[in-house]
Amino acid sequence: MKSDPHPWAKGMVNTMKIENIKDINKFFQVIDSCKGKVELVTGEGDRLNLKSKLSQYVSLANIFSDGSIKELELVAYEPEDTQKLINYMINQ
């Protein structure tokens, strides 16, 4: 039996930069509604799973201090999750 290759082998990984997040709670609602894994890429290149509440609190506590997030680099593994994140940024 042949197993399916990893999603990134199919070219389904989407890396994006998201800027000027003002409503942190709404941002996390969108992340939580995503079907697949969504990762935050740190300045050192590490990837943190944003679907984990612990990762959300720990990683973002260090990123913003004035109530908004200037810029994040995210990796989404499902095309519909990428579209959700794009729609969030357009409509925020």
Protein backbone atom coordinates (compact mmCIF):
# COMPACT_ATOMS: atom_id res chain seq x y z
CA MET A 1 0.00 0.00 0.00
CA LYS A 2 1.38 3.38 -1.00
CA SER A 3 0.97 6.26 1.44
CA ASP A 4 0.18 9.79 0.34
CA PRO A 5 3.14 12.16 0.26
CA HIS A 6 3.31 15.04 2.68
CA PRO A 7 1.21 18.10 1.73
CA TRP A 8 4.31 20.16 1.01
CA ALA A 9 5.34 17.54 -1.57
CA LYS A 10 2.19 18.41 -3.51
CA GLY A 11 2.98 22.12 -3.52
CA MET A 12 0.13 22.91 -1.13
CA VAL A 13 2.14 24.90 1.38
CA ASN A 14 1.46 28.61 1.25
CA THR A 15 3.76 31.09 2.96
CA MET A 16 2.40 34.59 3.49
CA LYS A 17 3.19 37.75 5.36
CA ILE A 18 0.31 39.27 7.25
CA GLU A 19 0.59 42.89 8.37
CA ASN A 20 -1.11 45.25 10.80
CA ILE A 21 -3.28 42.83 12.75
CA LYS A 22 -5.43 45.03 14.95
CA ASP A 23 -8.02 42.56 16.28
CA ILE A 24 -5.98 39.77 17.87
CA ASN A 25 -9.09 37.86 19.03
CA LYS A 26 -10.59 37.83 15.52
CA PHE A 27 -7.25 36.72 14.11
CA PHE A 28 -7.18 33.74 16.48
CA GLN A 29 -10.79 32.91 15.63
CA VAL A 30 -9.77 32.64 11.98
CA ILE A 31 -6.73 30.51 12.91
CA ASP A 32 -8.90 28.24 15.07
CA SER A 33 -11.39 27.79 12.21
CA CYS A 34 -8.68 26.59 9.83
CA LYS A 35 -8.87 22.95 8.78
CA GLY A 36 -5.13 22.27 8.62
CA LYS A 37 -2.01 23.35 10.38
CA VAL A 38 -1.08 27.05 10.42
CA GLU A 39 2.40 27.92 11.59
CA LEU A 40 4.10 31.13 12.66
CA VAL A 41 7.64 31.45 11.30
CA THR A 42 9.90 33.11 13.85
CA GLY A 43 12.80 35.41 13.02
CA GLU A 44 15.12 32.45 13.60
CA GLY A 45 13.19 30.28 11.11
CA ASP A 46 11.46 28.11 13.71
CA ARG A 47 7.84 27.18 13.05
CA LEU A 48 5.26 27.33 15.84
CA ASN A 49 1.86 25.68 15.46
CA LEU A 50 -0.68 28.50 15.91
CA LYS A 51 -3.52 26.01 16.36
CA SER A 52 -2.04 25.37 19.82
CA LYS A 53 -3.34 27.83 22.42
CA LEU A 54 -0.06 27.63 24.32
CA SER A 55 1.89 28.53 21.17
CA GLN A 56 -0.52 31.41 20.50
CA TYR A 57 0.04 32.95 23.92
CA VAL A 58 3.77 32.32 24.17
CA SER A 59 4.73 33.35 20.65
CA LEU A 60 2.54 36.41 20.31
CA ALA A 61 3.22 37.78 23.79
CA ASN A 62 6.72 38.53 22.52
CA ILE A 63 5.62 40.04 19.19
CA PHE A 64 3.28 42.86 20.15
CA SER A 65 3.29 45.37 22.94
CA ASP A 66 0.94 48.12 21.74
CA GLY A 67 -2.13 45.97 21.05
CA SER A 68 -1.43 45.32 17.39
CA ILE A 69 0.88 43.07 15.40
CA LYS A 70 2.93 44.80 12.72
CA GLU A 71 3.92 41.74 10.64
CA LEU A 72 3.81 37.93 10.83
CA GLU A 73 5.03 35.26 8.47
CA LEU A 74 2.60 32.35 8.35
CA VAL A 75 2.60 28.96 6.64
CA ALA A 76 -0.77 27.38 5.81
CA TYR A 77 -1.02 23.81 4.57
CA GLU A 78 -4.54 23.85 3.14
CA PRO A 79 -5.65 26.10 0.23
CA GLU A 80 -8.96 26.90 1.95
CA ASP A 81 -7.06 28.04 5.06
CA THR A 82 -4.96 30.37 2.92
CA GLN A 83 -8.16 31.83 1.50
CA LYS A 84 -9.60 32.31 5.02
CA LEU A 85 -6.49 34.21 6.07
CA ILE A 86 -6.56 36.35 2.92
CA ASN A 87 -10.26 37.12 3.47
CA TYR A 88 -9.50 38.08 7.08
CA MET A 89 -6.81 40.53 5.97
CA ILE A 90 -9.05 42.07 3.29
CA ASN A 91 -11.99 42.51 5.67
CA GLN A 92 -10.29 43.47 8.92
